[in-house]
Amino acid sequence: MIPAWGHEFWIDPHDFSVQAGDRIVADIRVGQTYGGSAYAYLPRNFHRFEIAAGDTVAPVKMRLGDRPALDAEAPAEGLNVIVHVTRDYDLTYDDWGSFVSFVTHKGAAWVPDAHEARGLPREDVTEVYSRHAKSLVAVGDGAGADRPVGLTVELVALANPYTDDLSAGFPVRVLYEGAPRTNAQVEIFEKDAEGEVGISTVTTDADGVAVVPVMPGHTYLLDHVVLRESDADDAMWESLWGSLTFAVPG
């Protein structure tokens, strides 16, 4: 089993900036430390897959099994936001230590105590999880702004990485069920031009906002996980993974 704390999910555009009239091409990836396998276009595995540009939203329609999972015309010039929400998946942890490592790594160190307070066993801890991913792609001039699109857990860019001054950092708001999530951990995966990856974290403030230090010529995967008690009969916990990818022009 891949360690639960290492299976990030993200949208990986082949180019984060394309010319007006060009196609947006992107892989859907699962892996560790900003590297992993590309998955095919399989409608049974997702609830939403679309590209939003301003008020225009275009569903992604590919052939079953296509790789890359996205190869489509941009709906409009400007900042395009790719959105992907998976179905629910089930997971059983091999041991208590793996579960504790996962929730601690994802900023939810309160979960083991809550688990025991609920009288749940340490053996065969069960979880249901889903992924809620976004990616920012500049088409043409790349002008525009990200906005909430109604994901259960969502990272919303408060600056446009392709047009704005990011010398003071890249601000992002974490939303959970539409409300800002305070004191929340955002994990940063930063990849340079040579493919080297650095990992760090920031924490949201009272408004649910975190500021991510960024460098020109680097690409970024931001990750935030919500842990909550599961309503399902066959799962003890539920995790909802939010991610956002973008590039900072060199």
Protein backbone atom coordinates (compact mmCIF):
# COMPACT_ATOMS: atom_id res chain seq x y z
CA MET A 1 0.00 0.00 0.00
CA ILE A 2 1.26 3.50 -0.84
CA PRO A 3 1.60 5.40 2.47
CA ALA A 4 -1.59 7.41 2.96
CA TRP A 5 0.36 10.57 3.74
CA GLY A 6 2.07 10.41 0.35
CA HIS A 7 -0.72 9.98 -2.18
CA GLU A 8 -1.40 13.52 -3.33
CA PHE A 9 -3.74 14.07 -6.28
CA TRP A 10 -3.35 16.94 -8.70
CA ILE A 11 -4.03 18.32 -12.16
CA ASP A 12 -0.80 18.58 -14.15
CA PRO A 13 -1.04 20.83 -17.24
CA HIS A 14 1.55 20.18 -19.93
CA ASP A 15 1.81 23.98 -20.27
CA PHE A 16 0.54 26.44 -17.69
CA SER A 17 0.49 29.23 -20.31
CA VAL A 18 -0.84 28.73 -23.84
CA GLN A 19 -1.61 31.02 -26.73
CA ALA A 20 -5.17 32.07 -27.48
CA GLY A 21 -6.73 29.42 -29.69
CA ASP A 22 -4.40 26.66 -28.46
CA ARG A 23 -5.59 23.62 -26.55
CA ILE A 24 -5.27 22.97 -22.85
CA VAL A 25 -3.64 19.61 -22.25
CA ALA A 26 -3.30 18.13 -18.75
CA ASP A 27 -2.79 14.88 -16.90
CA ILE A 28 -4.56 13.76 -13.75
CA ARG A 29 -1.90 12.46 -11.38
CA VAL A 30 -1.60 10.56 -8.11
CA GLY A 31 1.75 10.14 -6.42
CA GLN A 32 4.29 11.36 -3.92
CA THR A 33 6.40 14.51 -3.64
CA TYR A 34 4.92 16.06 -6.79
CA GLY A 35 5.67 13.04 -8.96
CA GLY A 36 3.36 10.21 -9.93
CA SER A 37 1.41 8.24 -12.49
CA ALA A 38 -0.97 9.78 -15.01
CA TYR A 39 -4.52 8.41 -14.95
CA ALA A 40 -6.89 7.95 -17.86
CA TYR A 41 -10.18 9.71 -18.56
CA LEU A 42 -12.70 7.47 -16.77
CA PRO A 43 -16.07 9.15 -16.08
CA ARG A 44 -17.01 6.52 -13.48
CA ASN A 45 -14.17 7.86 -11.31
CA PHE A 46 -15.23 11.51 -11.11
CA HIS A 47 -18.25 13.69 -10.29
CA ARG A 48 -16.98 16.89 -11.92
CA PHE A 49 -14.43 17.62 -14.63
CA GLU A 50 -14.64 21.02 -16.29
CA ILE A 51 -12.82 24.18 -17.33
CA ALA A 52 -14.09 27.54 -16.08
CA ALA A 53 -13.10 30.88 -17.59
CA GLY A 54 -14.97 33.76 -16.04
CA ASP A 55 -18.66 32.90 -16.24
CA THR A 56 -18.09 30.30 -18.95
CA VAL A 57 -17.92 26.66 -17.82
CA ALA A 58 -17.16 23.87 -20.29
CA PRO A 59 -17.42 20.18 -19.27
CA VAL A 60 -14.41 18.09 -20.22
CA LYS A 61 -15.48 15.48 -22.76
CA MET A 62 -12.90 12.95 -23.85
CA ARG A 63 -12.99 9.36 -25.06
CA LEU A 64 -13.06 6.61 -22.46
CA GLY A 65 -9.51 5.72 -21.47
CA ASP A 66 -7.84 8.74 -23.06
CA ARG A 67 -4.42 9.81 -21.81
CA PRO A 68 -3.84 12.63 -21.20
CA ALA A 69 -7.22 12.92 -19.47
CA LEU A 70 -7.67 16.48 -20.77
CA ASP A 71 -7.02 17.77 -24.28
CA ALA A 72 -9.55 20.47 -25.12
CA GLU A 73 -10.02 23.94 -26.50
CA ALA A 74 -9.98 26.65 -23.85
CA PRO A 75 -13.51 28.00 -23.32
CA ALA A 76 -12.22 31.59 -23.37
CA GLU A 77 -9.08 33.70 -23.33
CA GLY A 78 -7.78 34.71 -19.89
CA LEU A 79 -7.36 32.74 -16.68
CA ASN A 80 -8.80 29.25 -17.09
CA VAL A 81 -9.49 27.09 -14.04
CA ILE A 82 -9.56 23.32 -14.45
CA VAL A 83 -11.79 21.60 -11.86
CA HIS A 84 -11.86 17.89 -11.04
CA VAL A 85 -13.75 16.10 -8.24
CA THR A 86 -13.34 12.36 -7.82
CA ARG A 87 -15.78 9.79 -6.55
CA ASP A 88 -15.36 8.40 -3.06
CA TYR A 89 -12.71 5.73 -2.48
CA ASP A 90 -12.25 3.33 0.44
CA LEU A 91 -9.05 2.68 2.37
CA THR A 92 -8.14 0.39 5.28
CA TYR A 93 -4.92 1.15 7.17
CA ASP A 94 -2.51 -1.72 7.72
CA ASP A 95 -1.66 -0.55 11.22
CA TRP A 96 -2.44 2.15 13.78
CA GLY A 97 0.94 3.83 13.30
CA SER A 98 0.26 4.48 9.60
CA PHE A 99 -3.05 6.14 10.43
CA VAL A 100 -1.51 8.31 13.16
CA SER A 101 1.35 9.31 10.84
CA PHE A 102 -1.08 10.32 8.12
CA VAL A 103 -3.37 12.51 10.23
CA THR A 104 -0.43 14.10 12.05
CA HIS A 105 1.34 14.88 8.78
CA LYS A 106 -1.81 16.48 7.40
CA GLY A 107 -2.26 18.80 10.38
CA ALA A 108 -5.00 16.80 12.16
CA ALA A 109 -3.17 15.60 15.25
CA TRP A 110 -6.44 15.74 17.21
CA VAL A 111 -7.84 12.73 15.33
CA PRO A 112 -6.19 9.84 17.28
CA ASP A 113 -7.61 11.10 20.59
CA ALA A 114 -11.01 11.60 18.99
CA HIS A 115 -10.79 8.09 17.53
CA GLU A 116 -10.25 6.54 20.93
CA ALA A 117 -12.90 8.77 22.54
CA ARG A 118 -15.40 7.31 20.07
CA GLY A 119 -14.46 3.82 21.26
CA LEU A 120 -13.14 2.78 17.87
CA PRO A 121 -10.56 -0.01 17.47
CA ARG A 122 -6.95 0.62 16.50
CA GLU A 123 -7.01 -2.34 14.11
CA ASP A 124 -8.26 -2.02 10.55
CA VAL A 125 -9.03 1.68 10.66
CA THR A 126 -11.29 2.46 7.71
CA GLU A 127 -11.51 5.69 5.74
CA VAL A 128 -13.42 7.05 2.78
CA TYR A 129 -11.71 9.79 0.77
CA SER A 130 -12.27 12.05 -2.23
CA ARG A 131 -10.19 14.59 -4.15
CA HIS A 132 -11.16 18.16 -5.01
CA ALA A 133 -8.59 19.58 -7.43
CA LYS A 134 -8.11 22.85 -9.32
CA SER A 135 -5.43 24.15 -11.67
CA LEU A 136 -4.76 27.62 -13.06
CA VAL A 137 -3.83 27.97 -16.74
CA ALA A 138 -3.22 31.24 -18.59
CA VAL A 139 -4.73 31.42 -22.07
CA GLY A 140 -3.57 34.37 -24.12
CA ASP A 141 -3.03 37.29 -21.77
CA GLY A 142 -4.13 35.14 -18.79
CA ALA A 143 -6.15 37.99 -17.30
CA GLY A 144 -8.83 37.22 -14.75
CA ALA A 145 -9.32 35.86 -11.26
CA ASP A 146 -9.98 32.56 -9.56
CA ARG A 147 -13.23 32.23 -7.61
CA PRO A 148 -15.01 29.64 -5.48
CA VAL A 149 -16.61 26.93 -7.62
CA GLY A 150 -18.52 25.10 -4.90
CA LEU A 151 -16.13 22.32 -3.90
CA THR A 152 -16.55 20.85 -0.42
CA VAL A 153 -12.92 21.65 0.29
CA GLU A 154 -11.42 24.25 -2.00
CA LEU A 155 -8.27 26.30 -2.43
CA VAL A 156 -9.05 29.68 -3.99
CA ALA A 157 -6.24 31.79 -5.43
CA LEU A 158 -6.48 35.41 -4.29
CA ALA A 159 -3.94 36.54 -6.90
CA ASN A 160 -3.38 35.71 -10.53
CA PRO A 161 0.09 34.11 -10.81
CA TYR A 162 0.36 35.06 -14.50
CA THR A 163 -0.45 38.77 -14.22
CA ASP A 164 0.04 39.93 -10.63
CA ASP A 165 3.07 40.98 -8.60
CA LEU A 166 3.91 38.04 -6.32
CA SER A 167 6.97 39.55 -4.66
CA ALA A 168 5.12 39.47 -1.33
CA GLY A 169 3.93 35.91 -1.90
CA PHE A 170 0.92 34.14 -3.40
CA PRO A 171 -2.22 34.41 -1.21
CA VAL A 172 -4.68 31.52 -1.16
CA ARG A 173 -7.88 31.02 0.83
CA VAL A 174 -8.92 27.60 2.14
CA LEU A 175 -12.67 26.97 2.13
CA TYR A 176 -14.55 24.12 3.76
CA GLU A 177 -18.24 23.86 2.90
CA GLY A 178 -18.00 27.42 1.60
CA ALA A 179 -16.57 28.96 4.80
CA PRO A 180 -12.96 30.07 5.43
CA ARG A 181 -10.94 27.46 7.32
CA THR A 182 -8.77 29.05 10.00
CA ASN A 183 -5.54 27.68 11.45
CA ALA A 184 -5.41 25.16 8.62
CA GLN A 185 -2.26 23.60 7.21
CA VAL A 186 -1.43 24.05 3.54
CA GLU A 187 1.36 21.84 2.25
CA ILE A 188 3.50 23.31 -0.52
CA PHE A 189 5.25 21.24 -3.19
CA GLU A 190 7.56 23.49 -5.21
CA LYS A 191 9.28 22.24 -8.37
CA ASP A 192 12.13 24.13 -10.03
CA ALA A 193 13.18 24.10 -13.69
CA GLU A 194 15.41 21.04 -13.10
CA GLY A 195 12.57 19.08 -11.52
CA GLU A 196 13.88 19.31 -7.95
CA VAL A 197 11.04 19.42 -5.42
CA GLY A 198 10.97 21.26 -2.11
CA ILE A 199 8.27 20.71 0.52
CA SER A 200 7.10 23.14 3.19
CA THR A 201 3.92 24.21 4.97
CA VAL A 202 2.07 27.41 5.82
CA THR A 203 -0.95 27.98 8.06
CA THR A 204 -4.08 29.98 7.34
CA ASP A 205 -5.00 33.04 9.39
CA ALA A 206 -8.32 34.13 10.91
CA ASP A 207 -9.69 34.77 7.41
CA GLY A 208 -8.64 31.36 6.11
CA VAL A 209 -5.82 32.91 4.09
CA ALA A 210 -2.25 31.64 3.77
CA VAL A 211 0.55 33.35 1.88
CA VAL A 212 2.81 31.03 -0.11
CA PRO A 213 6.38 32.19 -0.89
CA VAL A 214 6.97 31.68 -4.62
CA MET A 215 9.84 31.90 -7.08
CA PRO A 216 9.80 32.80 -10.80
CA GLY A 217 10.16 29.79 -13.06
CA HIS A 218 8.79 27.33 -10.49
CA THR A 219 5.57 25.30 -10.50
CA TYR A 220 3.48 24.65 -7.40
CA LEU A 221 1.14 22.06 -5.95
CA LEU A 222 -0.75 23.22 -2.86
CA ASP A 223 -2.49 20.57 -0.79
CA HIS A 224 -4.93 20.73 2.12
CA VAL A 225 -6.79 17.83 3.77
CA VAL A 226 -9.95 17.95 5.89
CA LEU A 227 -10.50 15.06 8.32
CA ARG A 228 -13.98 14.45 9.67
CA GLU A 229 -16.06 11.66 11.15
CA SER A 230 -17.64 9.54 8.44
CA ASP A 231 -21.39 9.14 8.04
CA ALA A 232 -20.88 5.88 6.17
CA ASP A 233 -21.53 2.60 7.96
CA ASP A 234 -18.36 1.04 6.54
CA ALA A 235 -15.92 3.90 7.29
CA MET A 236 -14.73 5.44 10.54
CA TRP A 237 -13.24 8.60 9.04
CA GLU A 238 -13.53 10.69 5.92
CA SER A 239 -10.76 12.73 4.32
CA LEU A 240 -11.35 15.39 1.70
CA TRP A 241 -8.28 16.45 -0.25
CA GLY A 242 -8.09 19.88 -1.83
CA SER A 243 -5.33 20.80 -4.26
CA LEU A 244 -4.32 23.69 -6.49
CA THR A 245 -1.60 23.78 -9.14
CA PHE A 246 -0.12 26.78 -10.93
CA ALA A 247 3.14 28.15 -12.28
CA VAL A 248 4.99 31.40 -11.72
CA PRO A 249 6.41 32.72 -15.00
CA GLY A 250 10.19 33.04 -15.12
